[in-house]
Amino acid sequence: CTLDSEVALRVGGDFFFDPQPGDSPVNLVLIAGGVGINPLFSILLHIADLHGYQEGKGNRHKLGTAKLYYSAKNTSELLFKQNILGLMKAFPGKIKCCFHVTQQRSHISEELQPHITGK
């Protein structure tokens, strides 16, 4: 998003991401805290599946980027962090993540450091 961009936010309830072939591509910004990552991780997996299918079989889905902002007290409470790092490596530039930790007291691993903000 850029300054003055219009965005839609949704908190709670039933939500999903199900783009149809021929839809215009959209860029997603997903925001999660703690265990709230569960449904958003499913959306990331779906996006990864569509990107993989698109690259392998030439499907008609036009996908934008997905950026996840995920916050927890410390890195040990970041659920699925290894899976998310794997998705970013598999789909560079298409799936991105920024982890935010609020109360980290111990050393942050080298692998996570480039993606961590806060302390």
PDB file of N, CA and C in Angstrom:
ATOM      1  N   CYS A   1       0.837  -1.187   0.000  1.00  0.00           N
ATOM      2  CA  CYS A   1       0.000   0.000   0.000  1.00  0.00           C
ATOM      3  C   CYS A   1       0.879   1.246   0.000  1.00  0.00           C
ATOM      4  N   THR A   2       0.359   2.263  -0.526  1.00  0.00           N
ATOM      5  CA  THR A   2       1.044   3.548  -0.507  1.00  0.00           C
ATOM      6  C   THR A   2       0.175   4.539   0.243  1.00  0.00           C
ATOM      7  N   LEU A   3       0.740   5.686   0.562  1.00  0.00           N
ATOM      8  CA  LEU A   3       0.010   6.726   1.247  1.00  0.00           C
ATOM      9  C   LEU A   3      -1.276   7.038   0.490  1.00  0.00           C
ATOM     10  N   ASP A   4      -2.365   7.115   1.212  1.00  0.00           N
ATOM     11  CA  ASP A   4      -3.701   7.400   0.675  1.00  0.00           C
ATOM     12  C   ASP A   4      -4.327   6.242  -0.098  1.00  0.00           C
ATOM     13  N   SER A   5      -3.729   5.030   0.005  1.00  0.00           N
ATOM     14  CA  SER A   5      -4.353   3.869  -0.617  1.00  0.00           C
ATOM     15  C   SER A   5      -5.603   3.491   0.153  1.00  0.00           C
ATOM     16  N   GLU A   6      -6.581   2.984  -0.538  1.00  0.00           N
ATOM     17  CA  GLU A   6      -7.779   2.499   0.117  1.00  0.00           C
ATOM     18  C   GLU A   6      -7.589   1.020   0.410  1.00  0.00           C
ATOM     19  N   VAL A   7      -7.854   0.618   1.630  1.00  0.00           N
ATOM     20  CA  VAL A   7      -7.717  -0.778   2.023  1.00  0.00           C
ATOM     21  C   VAL A   7      -8.992  -1.237   2.707  1.00  0.00           C
ATOM     22  N   ALA A   8      -9.220  -2.528   2.685  1.00  0.00           N
ATOM     23  CA  ALA A   8     -10.355  -3.118   3.395  1.00  0.00           C
ATOM     24  C   ALA A   8      -9.795  -3.988   4.505  1.00  0.00           C
ATOM     25  N   LEU A   9     -10.344  -3.858   5.692  1.00  0.00           N
ATOM     26  CA  LEU A   9      -9.927  -4.658   6.836  1.00  0.00           C
ATOM     27  C   LEU A   9     -11.098  -5.492   7.303  1.00  0.00           C
ATOM     28  N   ARG A  10     -10.771  -6.673   7.783  1.00  0.00           N
ATOM     29  CA  ARG A  10     -11.807  -7.535   8.313  1.00  0.00           C
ATOM     30  C   ARG A  10     -11.261  -8.189   9.561  1.00  0.00           C
ATOM     31  N   VAL A  11     -12.018  -8.155  10.613  1.00  0.00           N
ATOM     32  CA  VAL A  11     -11.601  -8.749  11.875  1.00  0.00           C
ATOM     33  C   VAL A  11     -12.604  -9.824  12.253  1.00  0.00           C
ATOM     34  N   GLY A  12     -12.107 -11.032  12.474  1.00  0.00           N
ATOM     35  CA  GLY A  12     -12.970 -12.121  12.915  1.00  0.00           C
ATOM     36  C   GLY A  12     -13.923 -12.612  11.841  1.00  0.00           C
ATOM     37  N   GLY A  13     -14.744 -13.546  12.225  1.00  0.00           N
ATOM     38  CA  GLY A  13     -15.759 -14.077  11.325  1.00  0.00           C
ATOM     39  C   GLY A  13     -15.205 -15.083  10.333  1.00  0.00           C
ATOM     40  N   ASP A  14     -16.052 -15.475   9.405  1.00  0.00           N
ATOM     41  CA  ASP A  14     -15.655 -16.401   8.346  1.00  0.00           C
ATOM     42  C   ASP A  14     -15.037 -15.599   7.210  1.00  0.00           C
ATOM     43  N   PHE A  15     -13.841 -15.949   6.836  1.00  0.00           N
ATOM     44  CA  PHE A  15     -13.218 -15.273   5.707  1.00  0.00           C
ATOM     45  C   PHE A  15     -12.324 -16.248   4.966  1.00  0.00           C
ATOM     46  N   PHE A  16     -12.083 -15.952   3.703  1.00  0.00           N
ATOM     47  CA  PHE A  16     -11.306 -16.840   2.851  1.00  0.00           C
ATOM     48  C   PHE A  16     -10.786 -16.039   1.670  1.00  0.00           C
ATOM     49  N   PHE A  17      -9.866 -16.647   0.940  1.00  0.00           N
ATOM     50  CA  PHE A  17      -9.346 -16.056  -0.290  1.00  0.00           C
ATOM     51  C   PHE A  17      -9.511 -17.095  -1.373  1.00  0.00           C
ATOM     52  N   ASP A  18     -10.385 -16.838  -2.309  1.00  0.00           N
ATOM     53  CA  ASP A  18     -10.683 -17.810  -3.360  1.00  0.00           C
ATOM     54  C   ASP A  18     -10.758 -17.102  -4.707  1.00  0.00           C
ATOM     55  N   PRO A  19      -9.587 -16.704  -5.240  1.00  0.00           N
ATOM     56  CA  PRO A  19      -9.622 -16.033  -6.549  1.00  0.00           C
ATOM     57  C   PRO A  19     -10.054 -16.997  -7.645  1.00  0.00           C
ATOM     58  N   GLN A  20     -10.748 -16.465  -8.602  1.00  0.00           N
ATOM     59  CA  GLN A  20     -11.219 -17.269  -9.722  1.00  0.00           C
ATOM     60  C   GLN A  20     -10.381 -16.965 -10.963  1.00  0.00           C
ATOM     61  N   PRO A  21     -10.244 -17.937 -11.855  1.00  0.00           N
ATOM     62  CA  PRO A  21      -9.525 -17.661 -13.099  1.00  0.00           C
ATOM     63  C   PRO A  21     -10.157 -16.458 -13.802  1.00  0.00           C
ATOM     64  N   GLY A  22      -9.329 -15.575 -14.285  1.00  0.00           N
ATOM     65  CA  GLY A  22      -9.829 -14.393 -14.966  1.00  0.00           C
ATOM     66  C   GLY A  22     -10.027 -13.195 -14.060  1.00  0.00           C
ATOM     67  N   ASP A  23     -10.036 -13.392 -12.726  1.00  0.00           N
ATOM     68  CA  ASP A  23     -10.109 -12.249 -11.806  1.00  0.00           C
ATOM     69  C   ASP A  23      -8.849 -11.408 -11.952  1.00  0.00           C
ATOM     70  N   SER A  24      -8.970 -10.120 -11.706  1.00  0.00           N
ATOM     71  CA  SER A  24      -7.790  -9.253 -11.694  1.00  0.00           C
ATOM     72  C   SER A  24      -6.921  -9.627 -10.500  1.00  0.00           C
ATOM     73  N   PRO A  25      -5.604  -9.545 -10.663  1.00  0.00           N
ATOM     74  CA  PRO A  25      -4.732  -9.884  -9.536  1.00  0.00           C
ATOM     75  C   PRO A  25      -4.898  -8.885  -8.391  1.00  0.00           C
ATOM     76  N   VAL A  26      -4.803  -9.376  -7.185  1.00  0.00           N
ATOM     77  CA  VAL A  26      -4.861  -8.517  -6.005  1.00  0.00           C
ATOM     78  C   VAL A  26      -3.617  -8.768  -5.163  1.00  0.00           C
ATOM     79  N   ASN A  27      -3.163  -7.730  -4.487  1.00  0.00           N
ATOM     80  CA  ASN A  27      -2.077  -7.851  -3.537  1.00  0.00           C
ATOM     81  C   ASN A  27      -2.698  -7.930  -2.149  1.00  0.00           C
ATOM     82  N   LEU A  28      -2.360  -8.975  -1.402  1.00  0.00           N
ATOM     83  CA  LEU A  28      -2.929  -9.179  -0.077  1.00  0.00           C
ATOM     84  C   LEU A  28      -1.962  -8.729   1.003  1.00  0.00           C
ATOM     85  N   VAL A  29      -2.500  -8.109   2.028  1.00  0.00           N
ATOM     86  CA  VAL A  29      -1.762  -7.810   3.246  1.00  0.00           C
ATOM     87  C   VAL A  29      -2.507  -8.537   4.353  1.00  0.00           C
ATOM     88  N   LEU A  30      -1.840  -9.506   4.960  1.00  0.00           N
ATOM     89  CA  LEU A  30      -2.431 -10.303   6.025  1.00  0.00           C
ATOM     90  C   LEU A  30      -1.784  -9.910   7.344  1.00  0.00           C
ATOM     91  N   ILE A  31      -2.593  -9.673   8.377  1.00  0.00           N
ATOM     92  CA  ILE A  31      -2.085  -9.233   9.674  1.00  0.00           C
ATOM     93  C   ILE A  31      -2.570 -10.211  10.732  1.00  0.00           C
ATOM     94  N   ALA A  32      -1.611 -10.782  11.479  1.00  0.00           N
ATOM     95  CA  ALA A  32      -1.970 -11.782  12.487  1.00  0.00           C
ATOM     96  C   ALA A  32      -1.201 -11.546  13.772  1.00  0.00           C
ATOM     97  N   GLY A  33      -1.807 -11.966  14.861  1.00  0.00           N
ATOM     98  CA  GLY A  33      -1.149 -11.947  16.153  1.00  0.00           C
ATOM     99  C   GLY A  33      -1.382 -13.273  16.844  1.00  0.00           C
ATOM    100  N   GLY A  34      -0.307 -13.857  17.373  1.00  0.00           N
ATOM    101  CA  GLY A  34      -0.427 -15.110  18.117  1.00  0.00           C
ATOM    102  C   GLY A  34      -1.078 -16.218  17.317  1.00  0.00           C
ATOM    103  N   VAL A  35      -2.059 -16.904  17.951  1.00  0.00           N
ATOM    104  CA  VAL A  35      -2.718 -18.023  17.287  1.00  0.00           C
ATOM    105  C   VAL A  35      -3.662 -17.573  16.176  1.00  0.00           C
ATOM    106  N   GLY A  36      -3.855 -16.260  16.032  1.00  0.00           N
ATOM    107  CA  GLY A  36      -4.659 -15.738  14.931  1.00  0.00           C
ATOM    108  C   GLY A  36      -4.053 -16.029  13.574  1.00  0.00           C
ATOM    109  N   ILE A  37      -2.855 -16.602  13.564  1.00  0.00           N
ATOM    110  CA  ILE A  37      -2.190 -16.972  12.313  1.00  0.00           C
ATOM    111  C   ILE A  37      -2.878 -18.156  11.625  1.00  0.00           C
ATOM    112  N   ASN A  38      -3.599 -18.974  12.364  1.00  0.00           N
ATOM    113  CA  ASN A  38      -4.143 -20.217  11.797  1.00  0.00           C
ATOM    114  C   ASN A  38      -4.907 -20.027  10.494  1.00  0.00           C
ATOM    115  N   PRO A  39      -5.955 -19.224  10.420  1.00  0.00           N
ATOM    116  CA  PRO A  39      -6.651 -19.096   9.136  1.00  0.00           C
ATOM    117  C   PRO A  39      -5.807 -18.397   8.073  1.00  0.00           C
ATOM    118  N   LEU A  40      -4.940 -17.474   8.497  1.00  0.00           N
ATOM    119  CA  LEU A  40      -4.117 -16.762   7.522  1.00  0.00           C
ATOM    120  C   LEU A  40      -3.027 -17.666   6.957  1.00  0.00           C
ATOM    121  N   PHE A  41      -2.537 -18.600   7.759  1.00  0.00           N
ATOM    122  CA  PHE A  41      -1.569 -19.564   7.247  1.00  0.00           C
ATOM    123  C   PHE A  41      -2.225 -20.439   6.182  1.00  0.00           C
ATOM    124  N   SER A  42      -3.478 -20.793   6.391  1.00  0.00           N
ATOM    125  CA  SER A  42      -4.202 -21.563   5.367  1.00  0.00           C
ATOM    126  C   SER A  42      -4.313 -20.776   4.068  1.00  0.00           C
ATOM    127  N   ILE A  43      -4.565 -19.476   4.184  1.00  0.00           N
ATOM    128  CA  ILE A  43      -4.632 -18.629   2.993  1.00  0.00           C
ATOM    129  C   ILE A  43      -3.274 -18.602   2.300  1.00  0.00           C
ATOM    130  N   LEU A  44      -2.183 -18.480   3.079  1.00  0.00           N
ATOM    131  CA  LEU A  44      -0.837 -18.494   2.474  1.00  0.00           C
ATOM    132  C   LEU A  44      -0.567 -19.809   1.751  1.00  0.00           C
ATOM    133  N   LEU A  45      -0.972 -20.914   2.347  1.00  0.00           N
ATOM    134  CA  LEU A  45      -0.783 -22.218   1.686  1.00  0.00           C
ATOM    135  C   LEU A  45      -1.571 -22.283   0.380  1.00  0.00           C
ATOM    136  N   HIS A  46      -2.771 -21.742   0.390  1.00  0.00           N
ATOM    137  CA  HIS A  46      -3.591 -21.727  -0.829  1.00  0.00           C
ATOM    138  C   HIS A  46      -2.920 -20.874  -1.912  1.00  0.00           C
ATOM    139  N   ILE A  47      -2.399 -19.720  -1.519  1.00  0.00           N
ATOM    140  CA  ILE A  47      -1.691 -18.859  -2.462  1.00  0.00           C
ATOM    141  C   ILE A  47      -0.473 -19.577  -3.031  1.00  0.00           C
ATOM    142  N   ALA A  48       0.271 -20.251  -2.164  1.00  0.00           N
ATOM    143  CA  ALA A  48       1.442 -21.007  -2.627  1.00  0.00           C
ATOM    144  C   ALA A  48       1.028 -22.106  -3.601  1.00  0.00           C
ATOM    145  N   ASP A  49      -0.063 -22.804  -3.297  1.00  0.00           N
ATOM    146  CA  ASP A  49      -0.556 -23.832  -4.214  1.00  0.00           C
ATOM    147  C   ASP A  49      -0.899 -23.233  -5.573  1.00  0.00           C
ATOM    148  N   LEU A  50      -1.575 -22.077  -5.568  1.00  0.00           N
ATOM    149  CA  LEU A  50      -1.934 -21.435  -6.833  1.00  0.00           C
ATOM    150  C   LEU A  50      -0.698 -20.973  -7.593  1.00  0.00           C
ATOM    151  N   HIS A  51       0.294 -20.423  -6.880  1.00  0.00           N
ATOM    152  CA  HIS A  51       1.536 -20.018  -7.545  1.00  0.00           C
ATOM    153  C   HIS A  51       2.238 -21.241  -8.132  1.00  0.00           C
ATOM    154  N   GLY A  52       2.303 -22.319  -7.369  1.00  0.00           N
ATOM    155  CA  GLY A  52       2.949 -23.540  -7.854  1.00  0.00           C
ATOM    156  C   GLY A  52       2.230 -24.127  -9.044  1.00  0.00           C
ATOM    157  N   TYR A  53       0.915 -24.128  -8.986  1.00  0.00           N
ATOM    158  CA  TYR A  53       0.123 -24.635 -10.092  1.00  0.00           C
ATOM    159  C   TYR A  53       0.287 -23.755 -11.313  1.00  0.00           C
ATOM    160  N   GLN A  54       0.321 -22.449 -11.081  1.00  0.00           N
ATOM    161  CA  GLN A  54       0.482 -21.486 -12.173  1.00  0.00           C
ATOM    162  C   GLN A  54       1.810 -21.707 -12.886  1.00  0.00           C
ATOM    163  N   GLU A  55       2.873 -21.900 -12.108  1.00  0.00           N
ATOM    164  CA  GLU A  55       4.194 -22.083 -12.706  1.00  0.00           C
ATOM    165  C   GLU A  55       4.304 -23.433 -13.404  1.00  0.00           C
ATOM    166  N   GLY A  56       3.683 -24.460 -12.822  1.00  0.00           N
ATOM    167  CA  GLY A  56       3.830 -25.800 -13.368  1.00  0.00           C
ATOM    168  C   GLY A  56       2.903 -26.124 -14.516  1.00  0.00           C
ATOM    169  N   LYS A  57       1.710 -25.588 -14.508  1.00  0.00           N
ATOM    170  CA  LYS A  57       0.724 -26.000 -15.493  1.00  0.00           C
ATOM    171  C   LYS A  57       0.107 -24.854 -16.265  1.00  0.00           C
ATOM    172  N   GLY A  58       0.521 -23.647 -15.997  1.00  0.00           N
ATOM    173  CA  GLY A  58      -0.001 -22.515 -16.743  1.00  0.00           C
ATOM    174  C   GLY A  58      -1.468 -22.246 -16.510  1.00  0.00           C
ATOM    175  N   ASN A  59      -1.898 -22.258 -15.247  1.00  0.00           N
ATOM    176  CA  ASN A  59      -3.321 -21.995 -15.015  1.00  0.00           C
ATOM    177  C   ASN A  59      -3.657 -20.539 -15.313  1.00  0.00           C
ATOM    178  N   ARG A  60      -4.912 -20.212 -15.273  1.00  0.00           N
ATOM    179  CA  ARG A  60      -5.363 -18.881 -15.667  1.00  0.00           C
ATOM    180  C   ARG A  60      -5.496 -17.916 -14.502  1.00  0.00           C
ATOM    181  N   HIS A  61      -5.112 -18.320 -13.288  1.00  0.00           N
ATOM    182  CA  HIS A  61      -5.174 -17.404 -12.153  1.00  0.00           C
ATOM    183  C   HIS A  61      -4.094 -16.338 -12.298  1.00  0.00           C
ATOM    184  N   LYS A  62      -4.487 -15.112 -12.081  1.00  0.00           N
ATOM    185  CA  LYS A  62      -3.533 -14.004 -12.082  1.00  0.00           C
ATOM    186  C   LYS A  62      -3.360 -13.590 -10.627  1.00  0.00           C
ATOM    187  N   LEU A  63      -2.197 -13.859 -10.079  1.00  0.00           N
ATOM    188  CA  LEU A  63      -1.971 -13.618  -8.662  1.00  0.00           C
ATOM    189  C   LEU A  63      -1.059 -12.433  -8.435  1.00  0.00           C
ATOM    190  N   GLY A  64      -1.382 -11.657  -7.426  1.00  0.00           N
ATOM    191  CA  GLY A  64      -0.510 -10.578  -6.986  1.00  0.00           C
ATOM    192  C   GLY A  64       0.424 -11.112  -5.915  1.00  0.00           C
ATOM    193  N   THR A  65       0.834 -10.238  -5.030  1.00  0.00           N
ATOM    194  CA  THR A  65       1.721 -10.634  -3.949  1.00  0.00           C
ATOM    195  C   THR A  65       0.925 -10.803  -2.660  1.00  0.00           C
ATOM    196  N   ALA A  66       1.527 -11.513  -1.720  1.00  0.00           N
ATOM    197  CA  ALA A  66       0.951 -11.667  -0.385  1.00  0.00           C
ATOM    198  C   ALA A  66       2.020 -11.281   0.618  1.00  0.00           C
ATOM    199  N   LYS A  67       1.670 -10.384   1.530  1.00  0.00           N
ATOM    200  CA  LYS A  67       2.605  -9.982   2.577  1.00  0.00           C
ATOM    201  C   LYS A  67       1.932 -10.208   3.923  1.00  0.00           C
ATOM    202  N   LEU A  68       2.615 -10.966   4.768  1.00  0.00           N
ATOM    203  CA  LEU A  68       2.112 -11.299   6.092  1.00  0.00           C
ATOM    204  C   LEU A  68       2.862 -10.505   7.145  1.00  0.00           C
ATOM    205  N   TYR A  69       2.128  -9.841   8.012  1.00  0.00           N
ATOM    206  CA  TYR A  69       2.682  -9.201   9.206  1.00  0.00           C
ATOM    207  C   TYR A  69       2.186 -10.030  10.382  1.00  0.00           C
ATOM    208  N   TYR A  70       3.128 -10.589  11.125  1.00  0.00           N
ATOM    209  CA  TYR A  70       2.771 -11.543  12.170  1.00  0.00           C
ATOM    210  C   TYR A  70       3.500 -11.183  13.455  1.00  0.00           C
ATOM    211  N   SER A  71       2.747 -10.980  14.525  1.00  0.00           N
ATOM    212  CA  SER A  71       3.310 -10.531  15.797  1.00  0.00           C
ATOM    213  C   SER A  71       3.082 -11.569  16.900  1.00  0.00           C
ATOM    214  N   ALA A  72       4.081 -11.677  17.775  1.00  0.00           N
ATOM    215  CA  ALA A  72       3.979 -12.530  18.967  1.00  0.00           C
ATOM    216  C   ALA A  72       4.929 -11.982  20.018  1.00  0.00           C
ATOM    217  N   LYS A  73       4.839 -12.519  21.230  1.00  0.00           N
ATOM    218  CA  LYS A  73       5.714 -12.051  22.312  1.00  0.00           C
ATOM    219  C   LYS A  73       7.182 -12.320  21.998  1.00  0.00           C
ATOM    220  N   ASN A  74       7.463 -13.501  21.467  1.00  0.00           N
ATOM    221  CA  ASN A  74       8.840 -13.867  21.145  1.00  0.00           C
ATOM    222  C   ASN A  74       8.836 -14.857  19.996  1.00  0.00           C
ATOM    223  N   THR A  75      10.002 -15.167  19.492  1.00  0.00           N
ATOM    224  CA  THR A  75      10.090 -16.026  18.304  1.00  0.00           C
ATOM    225  C   THR A  75       9.600 -17.450  18.569  1.00  0.00           C
ATOM    226  N   SER A  76       9.672 -17.900  19.815  1.00  0.00           N
ATOM    227  CA  SER A  76       9.184 -19.255  20.103  1.00  0.00           C
ATOM    228  C   SER A  76       7.661 -19.336  19.985  1.00  0.00           C
ATOM    229  N   GLU A  77       6.978 -18.201  20.055  1.00  0.00           N
ATOM    230  CA  GLU A  77       5.522 -18.185  19.924  1.00  0.00           C
ATOM    231  C   GLU A  77       5.040 -17.901  18.498  1.00  0.00           C
ATOM    232  N   LEU A  78       5.968 -17.742  17.576  1.00  0.00           N
ATOM    233  CA  LEU A  78       5.594 -17.559  16.174  1.00  0.00           C
ATOM    234  C   LEU A  78       5.306 -18.934  15.572  1.00  0.00           C
ATOM    235  N   LEU A  79       4.034 -19.279  15.472  1.00  0.00           N
ATOM    236  CA  LEU A  79       3.652 -20.572  14.924  1.00  0.00           C
ATOM    237  C   LEU A  79       3.939 -20.628  13.425  1.00  0.00           C
ATOM    238  N   PHE A  80       4.286 -21.776  12.932  1.00  0.00           N
ATOM    239  CA  PHE A  80       4.516 -22.015  11.507  1.00  0.00           C
ATOM    240  C   PHE A  80       5.672 -21.206  10.922  1.00  0.00           C
ATOM    241  N   LYS A  81       6.546 -20.641  11.766  1.00  0.00           N
ATOM    242  CA  LYS A  81       7.593 -19.752  11.239  1.00  0.00           C
ATOM    243  C   LYS A  81       8.487 -20.456  10.220  1.00  0.00           C
ATOM    244  N   GLN A  82       8.850 -21.706  10.455  1.00  0.00           N
ATOM    245  CA  GLN A  82       9.687 -22.423   9.492  1.00  0.00           C
ATOM    246  C   GLN A  82       8.942 -22.663   8.184  1.00  0.00           C
ATOM    247  N   ASN A  83       7.666 -22.975   8.277  1.00  0.00           N
ATOM    248  CA  ASN A  83       6.863 -23.169   7.065  1.00  0.00           C
ATOM    249  C   ASN A  83       6.743 -21.867   6.276  1.00  0.00           C
ATOM    250  N   ILE A  84       6.557 -20.766   6.996  1.00  0.00           N
ATOM    251  CA  ILE A  84       6.427 -19.460   6.336  1.00  0.00           C
ATOM    252  C   ILE A  84       7.737 -19.073   5.662  1.00  0.00           C
ATOM    253  N   LEU A  85       8.868 -19.310   6.343  1.00  0.00           N
ATOM    254  CA  LEU A  85      10.169 -19.041   5.722  1.00  0.00           C
ATOM    255  C   LEU A  85      10.337 -19.883   4.468  1.00  0.00           C
ATOM    256  N   GLY A  86       9.880 -21.127   4.510  1.00  0.00           N
ATOM    257  CA  GLY A  86       9.953 -22.005   3.336  1.00  0.00           C
ATOM    258  C   GLY A  86       9.128 -21.483   2.171  1.00  0.00           C
ATOM    259  N   LEU A  87       7.937 -20.946   2.469  1.00  0.00           N
ATOM    260  CA  LEU A  87       7.100 -20.383   1.407  1.00  0.00           C
ATOM    261  C   LEU A  87       7.764 -19.162   0.782  1.00  0.00           C
ATOM    262  N   MET A  88       8.404 -18.337   1.625  1.00  0.00           N
ATOM    263  CA  MET A  88       9.088 -17.156   1.087  1.00  0.00           C
ATOM    264  C   MET A  88      10.246 -17.562   0.183  1.00  0.00           C
ATOM    265  N   LYS A  89      10.963 -18.624   0.555  1.00  0.00           N
ATOM    266  CA  LYS A  89      12.078 -19.102  -0.278  1.00  0.00           C
ATOM    267  C   LYS A  89      11.575 -19.716  -1.571  1.00  0.00           C
ATOM    268  N   ALA A  90      10.455 -20.429  -1.491  1.00  0.00           N
ATOM    269  CA  ALA A  90       9.912 -21.099  -2.678  1.00  0.00           C
ATOM    270  C   ALA A  90       9.315 -20.111  -3.678  1.00  0.00           C
ATOM    271  N   PHE A  91       8.789 -18.988  -3.159  1.00  0.00           N
ATOM    272  CA  PHE A  91       8.125 -18.018  -4.016  1.00  0.00           C
ATOM    273  C   PHE A  91       8.663 -16.616  -3.728  1.00  0.00           C
ATOM    274  N   PRO A  92       9.935 -16.379  -4.015  1.00  0.00           N
ATOM    275  CA  PRO A  92      10.536 -15.073  -3.704  1.00  0.00           C
ATOM    276  C   PRO A  92       9.840 -13.948  -4.458  1.00  0.00           C
ATOM    277  N   GLY A  93       9.590 -12.866  -3.735  1.00  0.00           N
ATOM    278  CA  GLY A  93       8.925 -11.718  -4.342  1.00  0.00           C
ATOM    279  C   GLY A  93       7.420 -11.860  -4.428  1.00  0.00           C
ATOM    280  N   LYS A  94       6.914 -13.068  -4.226  1.00  0.00           N
ATOM    281  CA  LYS A  94       5.471 -13.300  -4.308  1.00  0.00           C
ATOM    282  C   LYS A  94       4.849 -13.447  -2.920  1.00  0.00           C
ATOM    283  N   ILE A  95       5.585 -14.096  -2.016  1.00  0.00           N
ATOM    284  CA  ILE A  95       5.135 -14.245  -0.635  1.00  0.00           C
ATOM    285  C   ILE A  95       6.215 -13.668   0.263  1.00  0.00           C
ATOM    286  N   LYS A  96       5.821 -12.691   1.098  1.00  0.00           N
ATOM    287  CA  LYS A  96       6.768 -12.027   2.000  1.00  0.00           C
ATOM    288  C   LYS A  96       6.193 -12.041   3.410  1.00  0.00           C
ATOM    289  N   CYS A  97       7.070 -11.938   4.396  1.00  0.00           N
ATOM    290  CA  CYS A  97       6.611 -11.911   5.770  1.00  0.00           C
ATOM    291  C   CYS A  97       7.506 -11.031   6.610  1.00  0.00           C
ATOM    292  N   CYS A  98       6.894 -10.342   7.543  1.00  0.00           N
ATOM    293  CA  CYS A  98       7.612  -9.561   8.541  1.00  0.00           C
ATOM    294  C   CYS A  98       7.098 -10.008   9.905  1.00  0.00           C
ATOM    295  N   PHE A  99       7.979 -10.615  10.696  1.00  0.00           N
ATOM    296  CA  PHE A  99       7.627 -11.033  12.048  1.00  0.00           C
ATOM    297  C   PHE A  99       7.919  -9.872  13.000  1.00  0.00           C
ATOM    298  N   HIS A 100       7.049  -9.671  13.962  1.00  0.00           N
ATOM    299  CA  HIS A 100       7.271  -8.629  14.969  1.00  0.00           C
ATOM    300  C   HIS A 100       7.205  -9.292  16.342  1.00  0.00           C
ATOM    301  N   VAL A 101       8.265  -9.145  17.114  1.00  0.00           N
ATOM    302  CA  VAL A 101       8.269  -9.687  18.470  1.00  0.00           C
ATOM    303  C   VAL A 101       8.293  -8.537  19.460  1.00  0.00           C
ATOM    304  N   THR A 102       7.527  -8.671  20.526  1.00  0.00           N
ATOM    305  CA  THR A 102       7.362  -7.572  21.469  1.00  0.00           C
ATOM    306  C   THR A 102       8.158  -7.736  22.758  1.00  0.00           C
ATOM    307  N   GLN A 103       8.514  -8.983  23.120  1.00  0.00           N
ATOM    308  CA  GLN A 103       9.173  -9.193  24.405  1.00  0.00           C
ATOM    309  C   GLN A 103      10.327 -10.187  24.303  1.00  0.00           C
ATOM    310  N   GLN A 104      11.019 -10.193  23.199  1.00  0.00           N
ATOM    311  CA  GLN A 104      12.131 -11.133  23.004  1.00  0.00           C
ATOM    312  C   GLN A 104      13.281 -10.768  23.936  1.00  0.00           C
ATOM    313  N   ARG A 105      13.725 -11.731  24.726  1.00  0.00           N
ATOM    314  CA  ARG A 105      14.846 -11.505  25.640  1.00  0.00           C
ATOM    315  C   ARG A 105      16.085 -12.276  25.216  1.00  0.00           C
ATOM    316  N   SER A 106      15.885 -13.327  24.476  1.00  0.00           N
ATOM    317  CA  SER A 106      17.015 -14.156  24.051  1.00  0.00           C
ATOM    318  C   SER A 106      17.447 -13.806  22.626  1.00  0.00           C
ATOM    319  N   HIS A 107      18.540 -14.400  22.211  1.00  0.00           N
ATOM    320  CA  HIS A 107      19.102 -14.181  20.881  1.00  0.00           C
ATOM    321  C   HIS A 107      18.106 -14.638  19.807  1.00  0.00           C
ATOM    322  N   ILE A 108      18.036 -13.892  18.719  1.00  0.00           N
ATOM    323  CA  ILE A 108      17.190 -14.263  17.583  1.00  0.00           C
ATOM    324  C   ILE A 108      18.067 -14.983  16.568  1.00  0.00           C
ATOM    325  N   SER A 109      17.607 -16.130  16.091  1.00  0.00           N
ATOM    326  CA  SER A 109      18.394 -16.929  15.159  1.00  0.00           C
ATOM    327  C   SER A 109      18.735 -16.145  13.900  1.00  0.00           C
ATOM    328  N   GLU A 110      19.872 -16.494  13.317  1.00  0.00           N
ATOM    329  CA  GLU A 110      20.337 -15.836  12.089  1.00  0.00           C
ATOM    330  C   GLU A 110      19.295 -15.932  10.976  1.00  0.00           C
ATOM    331  N   GLU A 111      18.622 -17.067  10.895  1.00  0.00           N
ATOM    332  CA  GLU A 111      17.636 -17.289   9.837  1.00  0.00           C
ATOM    333  C   GLU A 111      16.451 -16.321   9.950  1.00  0.00           C
ATOM    334  N   LEU A 112      16.053 -16.013  11.188  1.00  0.00           N
ATOM    335  CA  LEU A 112      14.900 -15.136  11.393  1.00  0.00           C
ATOM    336  C   LEU A 112      15.251 -13.655  11.403  1.00  0.00           C
ATOM    337  N   GLN A 113      16.475 -13.303  11.756  1.00  0.00           N
ATOM    338  CA  GLN A 113      16.855 -11.902  11.943  1.00  0.00           C
ATOM    339  C   GLN A 113      16.450 -10.968  10.801  1.00  0.00           C
ATOM    340  N   PRO A 114      16.627 -11.349   9.542  1.00  0.00           N
ATOM    341  CA  PRO A 114      16.235 -10.410   8.468  1.00  0.00           C
ATOM    342  C   PRO A 114      14.741 -10.108   8.416  1.00  0.00           C
ATOM    343  N   HIS A 115      13.945 -10.955   9.059  1.00  0.00           N
ATOM    344  CA  HIS A 115      12.482 -10.824   8.975  1.00  0.00           C
ATOM    345  C   HIS A 115      11.850 -10.336  10.269  1.00  0.00           C
ATOM    346  N   ILE A 116      12.668 -10.012  11.275  1.00  0.00           N
ATOM    347  CA  ILE A 116      12.171  -9.631  12.601  1.00  0.00           C
ATOM    348  C   ILE A 116      12.249  -8.123  12.800  1.00  0.00           C
ATOM    349  N   THR A 117      11.174  -7.564  13.356  1.00  0.00           N
ATOM    350  CA  THR A 117      11.192  -6.177  13.835  1.00  0.00           C
ATOM    351  C   THR A 117      10.778  -6.207  15.295  1.00  0.00           C
ATOM    352  N   GLY A 118      11.008  -5.124  15.995  1.00  0.00           N
ATOM    353  CA  GLY A 118      10.631  -5.036  17.401  1.00  0.00           C
ATOM    354  C   GLY A 118      11.637  -5.752  18.278  1.00  0.00           C
ATOM    355  N   LYS A 119      11.501  -5.620  19.584  1.00  0.00           N
ATOM    356  CA  LYS A 119      12.343  -6.340  20.531  1.00  0.00           C
ATOM    357  C   LYS A 119      11.732  -6.264  21.892  1.00  0.00           C
TER     358      LYS A 119
END
